[in-house]
N, C-alpha and C. Protein backbone atom coordinates (compact mmCIF):
# COMPACT_ATOMS: atom_id res chain seq x y z
N MET A 1 18.18 2.97 -0.46
CA MET A 1 17.63 2.18 -1.58
C MET A 1 18.31 0.82 -1.67
N LYS A 2 19.63 0.80 -1.45
CA LYS A 2 20.36 -0.46 -1.51
C LYS A 2 19.88 -1.40 -0.41
N SER A 3 19.64 -0.84 0.80
CA SER A 3 19.14 -1.66 1.91
C SER A 3 17.77 -2.24 1.58
N LEU A 4 16.93 -1.44 0.91
CA LEU A 4 15.60 -1.90 0.53
C LEU A 4 15.69 -3.06 -0.45
N LEU A 5 16.63 -2.99 -1.40
CA LEU A 5 16.81 -4.07 -2.37
C LEU A 5 17.30 -5.35 -1.69
N VAL A 6 18.20 -5.18 -0.71
CA VAL A 6 18.70 -6.34 0.01
C VAL A 6 17.56 -7.02 0.76
N ASP A 7 16.70 -6.22 1.39
CA ASP A 7 15.55 -6.77 2.09
C ASP A 7 14.60 -7.47 1.13
N ALA A 8 14.42 -6.88 -0.06
CA ALA A 8 13.54 -7.50 -1.06
C ALA A 8 14.08 -8.87 -1.47
N PHE A 9 15.39 -8.96 -1.63
CA PHE A 9 16.00 -10.24 -1.98
C PHE A 9 15.86 -11.23 -0.83
N LYS A 10 16.05 -10.75 0.38
CA LYS A 10 15.98 -11.60 1.57
C LYS A 10 14.59 -12.18 1.76
N PHE A 11 13.56 -11.40 1.47
CA PHE A 11 12.18 -11.84 1.70
C PHE A 11 11.54 -12.49 0.48
N GLY A 12 12.32 -12.77 -0.54
CA GLY A 12 11.79 -13.48 -1.69
C GLY A 12 11.02 -12.61 -2.65
N LEU A 13 11.19 -11.30 -2.59
CA LEU A 13 10.49 -10.39 -3.49
C LEU A 13 11.24 -10.15 -4.79
N SER A 14 12.54 -10.44 -4.79
CA SER A 14 13.32 -10.27 -5.99
C SER A 14 12.87 -11.26 -7.06
N THR A 15 12.75 -10.81 -8.29
CA THR A 15 12.33 -11.69 -9.39
C THR A 15 13.51 -12.39 -10.04
N ASN A 16 14.72 -12.17 -9.52
CA ASN A 16 15.91 -12.85 -10.02
C ASN A 16 16.62 -13.47 -8.82
N SER A 17 16.68 -14.80 -8.81
CA SER A 17 17.25 -15.49 -7.65
C SER A 17 18.74 -15.21 -7.49
N GLY A 18 19.38 -14.67 -8.52
CA GLY A 18 20.81 -14.42 -8.44
C GLY A 18 21.18 -13.02 -8.03
N GLN A 19 20.23 -12.10 -8.08
CA GLN A 19 20.54 -10.72 -7.73
C GLN A 19 19.26 -9.97 -7.37
N ASN A 20 19.44 -8.75 -6.87
CA ASN A 20 18.29 -7.94 -6.50
C ASN A 20 17.67 -7.34 -7.76
N GLU A 21 16.47 -7.78 -8.07
CA GLU A 21 15.80 -7.31 -9.28
C GLU A 21 14.29 -7.41 -9.08
N PHE A 22 13.57 -6.42 -9.54
CA PHE A 22 12.12 -6.42 -9.44
C PHE A 22 11.54 -6.12 -10.81
N ASP A 23 10.91 -7.11 -11.43
CA ASP A 23 10.42 -7.00 -12.79
C ASP A 23 8.95 -7.41 -12.83
N TRP A 24 8.06 -6.46 -13.13
CA TRP A 24 6.63 -6.75 -13.19
C TRP A 24 6.31 -7.78 -14.26
N GLY A 25 7.10 -7.79 -15.33
CA GLY A 25 6.88 -8.77 -16.39
C GLY A 25 7.07 -10.19 -15.89
N LYS A 26 8.09 -10.41 -15.07
CA LYS A 26 8.34 -11.74 -14.51
C LYS A 26 7.27 -12.13 -13.51
N ILE A 27 6.76 -11.14 -12.79
CA ILE A 27 5.66 -11.44 -11.86
C ILE A 27 4.42 -11.86 -12.65
N GLY A 28 4.18 -11.19 -13.77
CA GLY A 28 3.08 -11.58 -14.64
C GLY A 28 3.25 -12.98 -15.18
N LYS A 29 4.49 -13.33 -15.53
CA LYS A 29 4.76 -14.69 -16.01
C LYS A 29 4.54 -15.73 -14.90
N SER A 30 4.85 -15.35 -13.67
CA SER A 30 4.60 -16.24 -12.54
C SER A 30 3.11 -16.51 -12.40
N PHE A 31 2.31 -15.46 -12.54
CA PHE A 31 0.86 -15.63 -12.46
C PHE A 31 0.35 -16.49 -13.61
N LEU A 32 0.91 -16.30 -14.80
CA LEU A 32 0.52 -17.11 -15.96
C LEU A 32 0.86 -18.58 -15.74
N LEU A 33 2.06 -18.85 -15.19
CA LEU A 33 2.45 -20.23 -14.91
C LEU A 33 1.50 -20.86 -13.89
N SER A 34 1.19 -20.12 -12.83
CA SER A 34 0.26 -20.63 -11.82
C SER A 34 -1.11 -20.91 -12.42
N SER A 35 -1.56 -20.02 -13.30
CA SER A 35 -2.86 -20.20 -13.95
C SER A 35 -2.86 -21.46 -14.80
N LEU A 36 -1.79 -21.68 -15.54
CA LEU A 36 -1.70 -22.87 -16.39
C LEU A 36 -1.71 -24.15 -15.54
N ILE A 37 -1.05 -24.11 -14.38
CA ILE A 37 -1.03 -25.27 -13.50
C ILE A 37 -2.43 -25.60 -13.01
N ILE A 38 -3.14 -24.59 -12.53
CA ILE A 38 -4.48 -24.81 -11.99
C ILE A 38 -5.48 -25.16 -13.09
N ILE A 39 -5.36 -24.50 -14.24
CA ILE A 39 -6.26 -24.81 -15.37
C ILE A 39 -6.05 -26.25 -15.82
N SER A 40 -4.79 -26.69 -15.87
CA SER A 40 -4.50 -28.08 -16.27
C SER A 40 -5.13 -29.05 -15.29
N ALA A 41 -5.01 -28.76 -13.98
CA ALA A 41 -5.62 -29.63 -12.97
C ALA A 41 -7.13 -29.65 -13.12
N TYR A 42 -7.71 -28.50 -13.42
CA TYR A 42 -9.17 -28.41 -13.59
C TYR A 42 -9.63 -29.24 -14.79
N ILE A 43 -8.89 -29.14 -15.89
CA ILE A 43 -9.25 -29.90 -17.09
C ILE A 43 -9.15 -31.40 -16.85
N ILE A 44 -8.09 -31.82 -16.15
CA ILE A 44 -7.93 -33.24 -15.84
C ILE A 44 -9.09 -33.75 -15.00
N LEU A 45 -9.47 -33.00 -13.96
CA LEU A 45 -10.59 -33.42 -13.11
C LEU A 45 -11.90 -33.43 -13.88
N ALA A 46 -12.07 -32.46 -14.77
CA ALA A 46 -13.29 -32.42 -15.58
C ALA A 46 -13.36 -33.63 -16.51
N LEU A 47 -12.24 -34.01 -17.11
CA LEU A 47 -12.21 -35.17 -18.01
C LEU A 47 -12.46 -36.47 -17.24
N VAL A 48 -11.84 -36.58 -16.06
CA VAL A 48 -12.05 -37.78 -15.23
C VAL A 48 -13.52 -37.89 -14.84
N GLY A 49 -14.13 -36.75 -14.50
CA GLY A 49 -15.53 -36.76 -14.13
C GLY A 49 -16.43 -37.12 -15.29
N ALA A 50 -16.10 -36.60 -16.47
CA ALA A 50 -16.93 -36.86 -17.64
C ALA A 50 -16.79 -38.29 -18.15
N VAL A 51 -15.59 -38.84 -18.12
CA VAL A 51 -15.34 -40.16 -18.69
C VAL A 51 -15.67 -41.28 -17.69
N PHE A 52 -15.25 -41.10 -16.44
CA PHE A 52 -15.39 -42.17 -15.45
C PHE A 52 -16.46 -41.89 -14.40
N ASN A 53 -17.08 -40.74 -14.47
CA ASN A 53 -18.12 -40.35 -13.51
C ASN A 53 -17.58 -40.36 -12.07
N LEU A 54 -16.37 -39.83 -11.91
CA LEU A 54 -15.71 -39.76 -10.62
C LEU A 54 -15.39 -38.31 -10.29
N ASP A 55 -15.30 -38.02 -9.00
CA ASP A 55 -14.83 -36.70 -8.60
C ASP A 55 -13.70 -36.86 -7.59
N ALA A 56 -13.02 -35.77 -7.29
CA ALA A 56 -11.88 -35.80 -6.39
C ALA A 56 -12.35 -35.47 -4.98
N ARG A 57 -12.37 -36.47 -4.11
CA ARG A 57 -12.80 -36.22 -2.74
C ARG A 57 -12.16 -37.22 -1.80
N TYR A 58 -11.96 -36.75 -0.57
CA TYR A 58 -11.54 -37.61 0.52
C TYR A 58 -12.29 -37.15 1.76
N TRP A 59 -13.25 -37.95 2.22
CA TRP A 59 -14.08 -37.61 3.37
C TRP A 59 -14.79 -36.28 3.08
N ILE A 60 -14.52 -35.24 3.89
CA ILE A 60 -15.21 -33.97 3.66
C ILE A 60 -14.40 -33.03 2.77
N PHE A 61 -13.24 -33.49 2.31
CA PHE A 61 -12.41 -32.68 1.42
C PHE A 61 -12.72 -33.08 -0.01
N SER A 62 -13.31 -32.17 -0.77
CA SER A 62 -13.65 -32.50 -2.16
C SER A 62 -13.38 -31.29 -3.06
N ILE A 63 -12.94 -31.59 -4.26
CA ILE A 63 -12.66 -30.55 -5.25
C ILE A 63 -13.71 -30.66 -6.35
N LYS A 64 -14.54 -29.65 -6.46
CA LYS A 64 -15.67 -29.68 -7.37
C LYS A 64 -15.46 -28.75 -8.56
N MET A 65 -16.24 -28.97 -9.59
CA MET A 65 -16.22 -28.10 -10.75
C MET A 65 -17.00 -26.81 -10.46
N LEU A 66 -16.73 -25.79 -11.23
CA LEU A 66 -17.34 -24.48 -11.03
C LEU A 66 -18.45 -24.22 -12.05
N SER A 67 -19.55 -23.67 -11.57
CA SER A 67 -20.56 -23.15 -12.49
C SER A 67 -20.10 -21.77 -12.96
N LEU A 68 -20.78 -21.22 -13.95
CA LEU A 68 -20.41 -19.89 -14.45
C LEU A 68 -20.53 -18.85 -13.36
N GLU A 69 -21.60 -18.94 -12.56
CA GLU A 69 -21.81 -17.97 -11.48
C GLU A 69 -20.70 -18.04 -10.44
N ARG A 70 -20.29 -19.26 -10.11
CA ARG A 70 -19.22 -19.41 -9.12
C ARG A 70 -17.87 -18.99 -9.69
N PHE A 71 -17.67 -19.18 -10.98
CA PHE A 71 -16.43 -18.72 -11.60
C PHE A 71 -16.32 -17.20 -11.50
N VAL A 72 -17.43 -16.50 -11.70
CA VAL A 72 -17.42 -15.04 -11.57
C VAL A 72 -17.08 -14.64 -10.14
N LEU A 73 -17.61 -15.38 -9.16
CA LEU A 73 -17.27 -15.11 -7.77
C LEU A 73 -15.77 -15.33 -7.51
N CYS A 74 -15.21 -16.34 -8.16
CA CYS A 74 -13.77 -16.59 -8.02
C CYS A 74 -12.95 -15.37 -8.43
N LEU A 75 -13.35 -14.74 -9.51
CA LEU A 75 -12.62 -13.56 -9.99
C LEU A 75 -12.69 -12.42 -8.98
N LYS A 76 -13.78 -12.35 -8.24
CA LYS A 76 -13.94 -11.28 -7.25
C LYS A 76 -13.09 -11.52 -6.00
N TYR A 77 -12.99 -12.79 -5.59
CA TYR A 77 -12.27 -13.11 -4.36
C TYR A 77 -10.78 -13.37 -4.59
N LEU A 78 -10.38 -13.64 -5.83
CA LEU A 78 -9.00 -13.99 -6.11
C LEU A 78 -7.99 -12.94 -5.66
N PRO A 79 -8.22 -11.64 -5.90
CA PRO A 79 -7.23 -10.64 -5.45
C PRO A 79 -6.97 -10.68 -3.95
N LEU A 80 -8.01 -10.94 -3.16
CA LEU A 80 -7.84 -10.98 -1.71
C LEU A 80 -6.97 -12.17 -1.29
N TRP A 81 -7.20 -13.33 -1.93
CA TRP A 81 -6.37 -14.49 -1.63
C TRP A 81 -4.94 -14.29 -2.09
N CYS A 82 -4.75 -13.58 -3.20
CA CYS A 82 -3.39 -13.27 -3.67
C CYS A 82 -2.65 -12.44 -2.62
N ILE A 83 -3.33 -11.44 -2.08
CA ILE A 83 -2.71 -10.60 -1.04
C ILE A 83 -2.35 -11.44 0.18
N TYR A 84 -3.28 -12.31 0.59
CA TYR A 84 -3.04 -13.15 1.77
C TYR A 84 -1.81 -14.03 1.57
N PHE A 85 -1.72 -14.72 0.44
CA PHE A 85 -0.62 -15.66 0.25
C PHE A 85 0.70 -14.97 -0.05
N LEU A 86 0.65 -13.76 -0.60
CA LEU A 86 1.89 -13.00 -0.75
C LEU A 86 2.44 -12.62 0.62
N ILE A 87 1.56 -12.18 1.52
CA ILE A 87 1.99 -11.87 2.88
C ILE A 87 2.47 -13.12 3.60
N ASN A 88 1.74 -14.22 3.41
CA ASN A 88 2.13 -15.49 4.01
C ASN A 88 3.51 -15.92 3.52
N GLY A 89 3.75 -15.75 2.22
CA GLY A 89 5.05 -16.10 1.66
C GLY A 89 6.16 -15.21 2.20
N LEU A 90 5.87 -13.92 2.38
CA LEU A 90 6.87 -13.01 2.95
C LEU A 90 7.29 -13.47 4.34
N ILE A 91 6.33 -13.89 5.14
CA ILE A 91 6.63 -14.33 6.50
C ILE A 91 7.39 -15.66 6.50
N LEU A 92 6.88 -16.62 5.73
CA LEU A 92 7.49 -17.96 5.73
C LEU A 92 8.91 -17.93 5.19
N HIS A 93 9.11 -17.26 4.05
CA HIS A 93 10.40 -17.32 3.37
C HIS A 93 11.31 -16.14 3.67
N GLY A 94 10.82 -15.24 4.52
CA GLY A 94 11.65 -14.14 4.97
C GLY A 94 12.01 -14.30 6.42
N GLN A 95 11.09 -13.94 7.28
CA GLN A 95 11.33 -13.97 8.72
C GLN A 95 11.59 -15.38 9.24
N PHE A 96 10.85 -16.39 8.69
CA PHE A 96 10.96 -17.75 9.21
C PHE A 96 11.68 -18.70 8.25
N ARG A 97 12.44 -18.17 7.32
CA ARG A 97 13.12 -19.05 6.37
C ARG A 97 14.14 -19.93 7.10
N LEU A 98 14.11 -21.21 6.78
CA LEU A 98 14.99 -22.17 7.44
C LEU A 98 16.29 -22.36 6.66
N LYS A 99 17.26 -22.98 7.30
CA LYS A 99 18.54 -23.25 6.66
C LYS A 99 18.43 -24.41 5.68
N GLU A 100 19.39 -24.48 4.79
CA GLU A 100 19.46 -25.58 3.84
C GLU A 100 19.86 -26.87 4.56
N MET A 101 19.33 -27.99 4.07
CA MET A 101 19.69 -29.28 4.62
C MET A 101 20.72 -29.96 3.71
N GLY A 102 20.94 -31.25 3.92
CA GLY A 102 21.95 -31.97 3.17
C GLY A 102 21.63 -32.13 1.70
N SER A 103 20.34 -32.19 1.35
CA SER A 103 19.94 -32.37 -0.04
C SER A 103 18.69 -31.54 -0.31
N GLU A 104 18.35 -31.40 -1.59
CA GLU A 104 17.17 -30.65 -1.97
C GLU A 104 15.90 -31.29 -1.41
N THR A 105 15.84 -32.61 -1.48
CA THR A 105 14.66 -33.33 -0.96
C THR A 105 14.50 -33.13 0.53
N GLN A 106 15.59 -33.25 1.28
CA GLN A 106 15.54 -33.05 2.72
C GLN A 106 15.11 -31.63 3.07
N THR A 107 15.64 -30.67 2.33
CA THR A 107 15.29 -29.27 2.58
C THR A 107 13.81 -29.03 2.32
N LEU A 108 13.31 -29.55 1.20
CA LEU A 108 11.89 -29.37 0.86
C LEU A 108 10.98 -29.99 1.91
N ILE A 109 11.33 -31.19 2.36
CA ILE A 109 10.50 -31.87 3.38
C ILE A 109 10.51 -31.09 4.68
N ARG A 110 11.70 -30.65 5.10
CA ARG A 110 11.78 -29.90 6.37
C ARG A 110 11.02 -28.58 6.27
N TRP A 111 11.20 -27.86 5.17
CA TRP A 111 10.51 -26.59 5.01
C TRP A 111 8.99 -26.81 5.00
N THR A 112 8.54 -27.81 4.25
CA THR A 112 7.10 -28.05 4.16
C THR A 112 6.50 -28.39 5.52
N LEU A 113 7.14 -29.29 6.27
CA LEU A 113 6.63 -29.68 7.58
C LEU A 113 6.65 -28.50 8.55
N SER A 114 7.70 -27.70 8.50
CA SER A 114 7.79 -26.55 9.40
C SER A 114 6.73 -25.51 9.07
N TYR A 115 6.51 -25.27 7.78
CA TYR A 115 5.50 -24.28 7.39
C TYR A 115 4.09 -24.80 7.62
N MET A 116 3.92 -26.12 7.56
CA MET A 116 2.63 -26.71 7.94
C MET A 116 2.32 -26.40 9.40
N PHE A 117 3.33 -26.55 10.25
CA PHE A 117 3.15 -26.24 11.67
C PHE A 117 2.77 -24.77 11.84
N PHE A 118 3.45 -23.89 11.15
CA PHE A 118 3.17 -22.45 11.25
C PHE A 118 1.74 -22.14 10.79
N ASN A 119 1.34 -22.71 9.66
CA ASN A 119 0.03 -22.40 9.08
C ASN A 119 -1.12 -23.09 9.81
N LEU A 120 -0.84 -24.26 10.40
CA LEU A 120 -1.92 -25.07 10.99
C LEU A 120 -2.08 -24.88 12.48
N PHE A 121 -1.10 -24.28 13.14
CA PHE A 121 -1.09 -24.28 14.60
C PHE A 121 -2.37 -23.67 15.19
N GLY A 122 -2.76 -22.50 14.73
CA GLY A 122 -3.92 -21.81 15.28
C GLY A 122 -5.20 -22.61 15.14
N ILE A 123 -5.48 -23.04 13.91
CA ILE A 123 -6.72 -23.77 13.66
C ILE A 123 -6.69 -25.14 14.33
N ALA A 124 -5.50 -25.76 14.42
CA ALA A 124 -5.40 -27.07 15.08
C ALA A 124 -5.71 -26.94 16.58
N VAL A 125 -5.28 -25.85 17.20
CA VAL A 125 -5.57 -25.64 18.62
C VAL A 125 -7.07 -25.49 18.83
N VAL A 126 -7.72 -24.68 17.98
CA VAL A 126 -9.16 -24.48 18.10
C VAL A 126 -9.91 -25.80 17.91
N LEU A 127 -9.53 -26.55 16.88
CA LEU A 127 -10.20 -27.83 16.64
C LEU A 127 -9.93 -28.82 17.78
N GLY A 128 -8.73 -28.79 18.34
CA GLY A 128 -8.42 -29.66 19.45
C GLY A 128 -9.30 -29.37 20.66
N ILE A 129 -9.53 -28.08 20.93
CA ILE A 129 -10.40 -27.69 22.04
C ILE A 129 -11.84 -28.13 21.76
N GLN A 130 -12.30 -27.90 20.53
CA GLN A 130 -13.67 -28.24 20.17
C GLN A 130 -13.93 -29.74 20.29
N TYR A 131 -13.09 -30.53 19.63
CA TYR A 131 -13.32 -31.97 19.62
C TYR A 131 -12.93 -32.63 20.95
N GLY A 132 -11.96 -32.04 21.65
CA GLY A 132 -11.63 -32.56 22.98
C GLY A 132 -12.81 -32.41 23.93
N SER A 133 -13.48 -31.26 23.87
CA SER A 133 -14.68 -31.03 24.68
C SER A 133 -15.80 -31.97 24.26
N LEU A 134 -15.91 -32.21 22.94
CA LEU A 134 -16.96 -33.10 22.44
C LEU A 134 -16.78 -34.53 22.96
N PHE A 135 -15.56 -35.03 22.93
CA PHE A 135 -15.30 -36.40 23.38
C PHE A 135 -15.45 -36.55 24.89
N MET A 136 -15.09 -35.49 25.64
CA MET A 136 -15.14 -35.60 27.10
C MET A 136 -16.50 -35.24 27.68
N ASN A 137 -17.17 -34.24 27.06
CA ASN A 137 -18.42 -33.72 27.63
C ASN A 137 -19.63 -33.93 26.73
N GLU A 138 -19.39 -34.52 25.54
CA GLU A 138 -20.45 -34.76 24.56
C GLU A 138 -21.07 -33.46 24.02
N ILE A 139 -20.34 -32.38 24.13
CA ILE A 139 -20.76 -31.11 23.54
C ILE A 139 -19.51 -30.29 23.25
N MET A 140 -19.50 -29.61 22.13
CA MET A 140 -18.33 -28.81 21.77
C MET A 140 -18.19 -27.61 22.71
N TYR A 141 -16.96 -27.17 22.87
CA TYR A 141 -16.69 -26.04 23.76
C TYR A 141 -17.43 -24.79 23.27
N MET A 142 -17.49 -24.63 21.94
CA MET A 142 -18.24 -23.53 21.33
C MET A 142 -19.29 -24.14 20.39
N PRO A 143 -20.46 -24.51 20.90
CA PRO A 143 -21.47 -25.19 20.08
C PRO A 143 -21.90 -24.40 18.86
N ALA A 144 -21.89 -23.08 18.97
CA ALA A 144 -22.32 -22.24 17.85
C ALA A 144 -21.36 -22.33 16.66
N GLU A 145 -20.13 -22.81 16.91
CA GLU A 145 -19.13 -22.92 15.85
C GLU A 145 -18.95 -24.36 15.38
N ALA A 146 -20.01 -25.17 15.49
CA ALA A 146 -19.92 -26.57 15.08
C ALA A 146 -19.62 -26.71 13.60
N LEU A 147 -20.25 -25.87 12.76
CA LEU A 147 -20.00 -25.95 11.32
C LEU A 147 -18.55 -25.62 11.00
N PHE A 148 -18.02 -24.59 11.65
CA PHE A 148 -16.61 -24.26 11.45
C PHE A 148 -15.71 -25.44 11.81
N SER A 149 -16.06 -26.14 12.88
CA SER A 149 -15.25 -27.26 13.34
C SER A 149 -15.26 -28.41 12.34
N ILE A 150 -16.38 -28.59 11.66
CA ILE A 150 -16.46 -29.64 10.63
C ILE A 150 -15.64 -29.24 9.41
N LEU A 151 -15.86 -28.03 8.94
CA LEU A 151 -15.13 -27.56 7.76
C LEU A 151 -13.65 -27.36 8.06
N GLY A 152 -13.33 -27.08 9.32
CA GLY A 152 -11.94 -26.85 9.69
C GLY A 152 -11.06 -28.06 9.48
N VAL A 153 -11.63 -29.26 9.58
CA VAL A 153 -10.85 -30.47 9.34
C VAL A 153 -10.35 -30.50 7.89
N GLY A 154 -11.23 -30.13 6.96
CA GLY A 154 -10.82 -30.04 5.56
C GLY A 154 -9.78 -28.97 5.35
N ASN A 155 -9.87 -27.87 6.12
CA ASN A 155 -8.90 -26.78 5.97
C ASN A 155 -7.51 -27.20 6.42
N LEU A 156 -7.42 -28.17 7.32
CA LEU A 156 -6.11 -28.67 7.72
C LEU A 156 -5.36 -29.26 6.53
N LEU A 157 -6.08 -30.04 5.73
CA LEU A 157 -5.47 -30.62 4.53
C LEU A 157 -5.17 -29.53 3.50
N LEU A 158 -6.10 -28.57 3.37
CA LEU A 158 -5.93 -27.49 2.41
C LEU A 158 -4.68 -26.66 2.73
N LEU A 159 -4.50 -26.34 3.99
CA LEU A 159 -3.34 -25.55 4.40
C LEU A 159 -2.04 -26.36 4.32
N SER A 160 -2.14 -27.68 4.46
CA SER A 160 -0.97 -28.53 4.28
C SER A 160 -0.51 -28.49 2.82
N ILE A 161 -1.48 -28.53 1.91
CA ILE A 161 -1.17 -28.44 0.49
C ILE A 161 -0.52 -27.10 0.17
N SER A 162 -1.06 -26.03 0.74
CA SER A 162 -0.52 -24.69 0.48
C SER A 162 0.92 -24.57 0.99
N SER A 163 1.22 -25.22 2.10
CA SER A 163 2.58 -25.19 2.64
C SER A 163 3.56 -25.86 1.69
N TYR A 164 3.10 -26.96 1.08
CA TYR A 164 3.96 -27.65 0.10
C TYR A 164 4.16 -26.79 -1.15
N PHE A 165 3.08 -26.24 -1.69
CA PHE A 165 3.19 -25.39 -2.87
C PHE A 165 4.14 -24.23 -2.61
N SER A 166 3.98 -23.59 -1.46
CA SER A 166 4.80 -22.44 -1.13
C SER A 166 6.28 -22.81 -1.07
N SER A 167 6.57 -23.93 -0.42
CA SER A 167 7.96 -24.37 -0.29
C SER A 167 8.53 -24.82 -1.63
N TYR A 168 7.75 -25.61 -2.37
CA TYR A 168 8.25 -26.17 -3.63
C TYR A 168 8.58 -25.08 -4.64
N PHE A 169 7.66 -24.15 -4.83
CA PHE A 169 7.89 -23.14 -5.86
C PHE A 169 8.93 -22.11 -5.43
N PHE A 170 9.05 -21.88 -4.12
CA PHE A 170 10.14 -20.99 -3.69
C PHE A 170 11.48 -21.64 -3.95
N ARG A 171 11.57 -22.96 -3.71
CA ARG A 171 12.82 -23.66 -3.98
C ARG A 171 13.17 -23.62 -5.46
N LYS A 172 12.15 -23.65 -6.32
CA LYS A 172 12.39 -23.68 -7.76
C LYS A 172 12.68 -22.29 -8.34
N THR A 173 12.02 -21.26 -7.81
CA THR A 173 12.11 -19.93 -8.42
C THR A 173 12.92 -18.92 -7.62
N GLY A 174 13.07 -19.15 -6.32
CA GLY A 174 13.80 -18.20 -5.49
C GLY A 174 12.98 -17.01 -5.06
N ASN A 175 11.68 -17.00 -5.39
CA ASN A 175 10.81 -15.91 -4.94
C ASN A 175 9.45 -16.47 -4.54
N ILE A 176 8.60 -15.60 -4.00
CA ILE A 176 7.33 -16.04 -3.40
C ILE A 176 6.17 -16.05 -4.38
N TYR A 177 6.35 -15.53 -5.60
CA TYR A 177 5.21 -15.21 -6.45
C TYR A 177 4.48 -16.44 -6.99
N THR A 178 5.18 -17.38 -7.58
CA THR A 178 4.51 -18.54 -8.18
C THR A 178 3.77 -19.35 -7.12
N GLY A 179 4.40 -19.56 -5.97
CA GLY A 179 3.74 -20.29 -4.90
C GLY A 179 2.51 -19.57 -4.39
N ALA A 180 2.62 -18.25 -4.22
CA ALA A 180 1.49 -17.46 -3.71
C ALA A 180 0.33 -17.47 -4.70
N PHE A 181 0.62 -17.29 -5.98
CA PHE A 181 -0.45 -17.26 -6.99
C PHE A 181 -1.10 -18.64 -7.14
N THR A 182 -0.29 -19.69 -7.11
CA THR A 182 -0.85 -21.05 -7.22
C THR A 182 -1.77 -21.34 -6.04
N ASN A 183 -1.33 -20.98 -4.85
CA ASN A 183 -2.17 -21.18 -3.67
C ASN A 183 -3.45 -20.36 -3.75
N ALA A 184 -3.33 -19.11 -4.18
CA ALA A 184 -4.50 -18.25 -4.26
C ALA A 184 -5.53 -18.79 -5.25
N LEU A 185 -5.07 -19.24 -6.40
CA LEU A 185 -5.97 -19.80 -7.40
C LEU A 185 -6.64 -21.07 -6.90
N PHE A 186 -5.85 -21.94 -6.26
CA PHE A 186 -6.39 -23.21 -5.77
C PHE A 186 -7.38 -22.98 -4.62
N PHE A 187 -7.01 -22.12 -3.67
CA PHE A 187 -7.90 -21.83 -2.55
C PHE A 187 -9.21 -21.23 -3.03
N THR A 188 -9.13 -20.27 -3.94
CA THR A 188 -10.34 -19.61 -4.44
C THR A 188 -11.25 -20.63 -5.12
N TRP A 189 -10.68 -21.46 -5.96
CA TRP A 189 -11.44 -22.50 -6.64
C TRP A 189 -12.10 -23.43 -5.61
N TYR A 190 -11.31 -23.94 -4.68
CA TYR A 190 -11.83 -24.90 -3.72
C TYR A 190 -12.95 -24.31 -2.86
N ILE A 191 -12.73 -23.14 -2.31
CA ILE A 191 -13.69 -22.56 -1.37
C ILE A 191 -14.97 -22.14 -2.07
N ILE A 192 -14.86 -21.48 -3.22
CA ILE A 192 -16.06 -21.04 -3.93
C ILE A 192 -16.85 -22.24 -4.44
N ALA A 193 -16.17 -23.28 -4.92
CA ALA A 193 -16.86 -24.46 -5.45
C ALA A 193 -17.60 -25.22 -4.36
N ASN A 194 -17.09 -25.18 -3.12
CA ASN A 194 -17.68 -25.96 -2.03
C ASN A 194 -18.60 -25.16 -1.12
N GLN A 195 -18.53 -23.85 -1.22
CA GLN A 195 -19.29 -23.01 -0.30
C GLN A 195 -20.78 -23.03 -0.63
N ALA A 196 -21.62 -23.15 0.41
CA ALA A 196 -23.07 -23.02 0.23
C ALA A 196 -23.38 -21.54 0.02
N ILE A 197 -24.03 -21.22 -1.08
CA ILE A 197 -24.30 -19.83 -1.44
C ILE A 197 -25.79 -19.62 -1.61
N LEU A 198 -26.31 -18.60 -0.98
CA LEU A 198 -27.71 -18.24 -1.12
C LEU A 198 -27.80 -17.20 -2.22
N TRP A 199 -28.19 -17.65 -3.43
CA TRP A 199 -28.25 -16.75 -4.57
C TRP A 199 -29.52 -15.90 -4.49
N PRO A 200 -29.43 -14.61 -4.80
CA PRO A 200 -30.63 -13.77 -4.79
C PRO A 200 -31.60 -14.19 -5.90
N LYS A 201 -32.88 -14.13 -5.59
CA LYS A 201 -33.88 -14.48 -6.59
C LYS A 201 -33.99 -13.40 -7.66
N VAL A 202 -34.11 -13.85 -8.88
CA VAL A 202 -34.23 -12.91 -10.00
C VAL A 202 -35.72 -12.59 -10.20
N MET A 203 -36.06 -11.34 -10.13
CA MET A 203 -37.47 -10.94 -10.28
C MET A 203 -37.90 -11.12 -11.72
N PRO A 204 -39.11 -11.65 -11.96
CA PRO A 204 -39.60 -11.86 -13.33
C PRO A 204 -39.84 -10.51 -14.02
């Protein structure tokens, strides 16, 4: 049991950065904090859109508002993204946790860049093959995956953001929960808001 607690502390599962402790109440508070962060960002974007008629976008990366139907979909997909980012946090801050640097800022930058490499490597290789073939042969290596290749560029930025959130909140809290929940909420919002959805027709 003692070995299990040590491993929990090592992998960022402990809810107390000073000792081995697992408290469901603190995990709930982490989720509440993440929710408040994302809700605040959503409200700010909604106000900017309403007052200035602007939205948040850069090229193909855009953050849109949610309809009621899409919000319901977010609730369905959110648990899956929570599981994914909790596992991602276990790997990044456990098995691949880096050493401390000279200052907090240096450590955060190094961790973020390193975790960006870890999270982006696979998709970057695929996109490199696709676009490399396009530039050299005027056709993608996998033509059937052209849509993925377009959306994948936006995912590079999305995963870069998640690497920063994961590193920043781990540095602040000493555990993986706030970063994982913040990433899960943001990813779910972004993907559901931007995804083309074929809604079933309602029979009269």
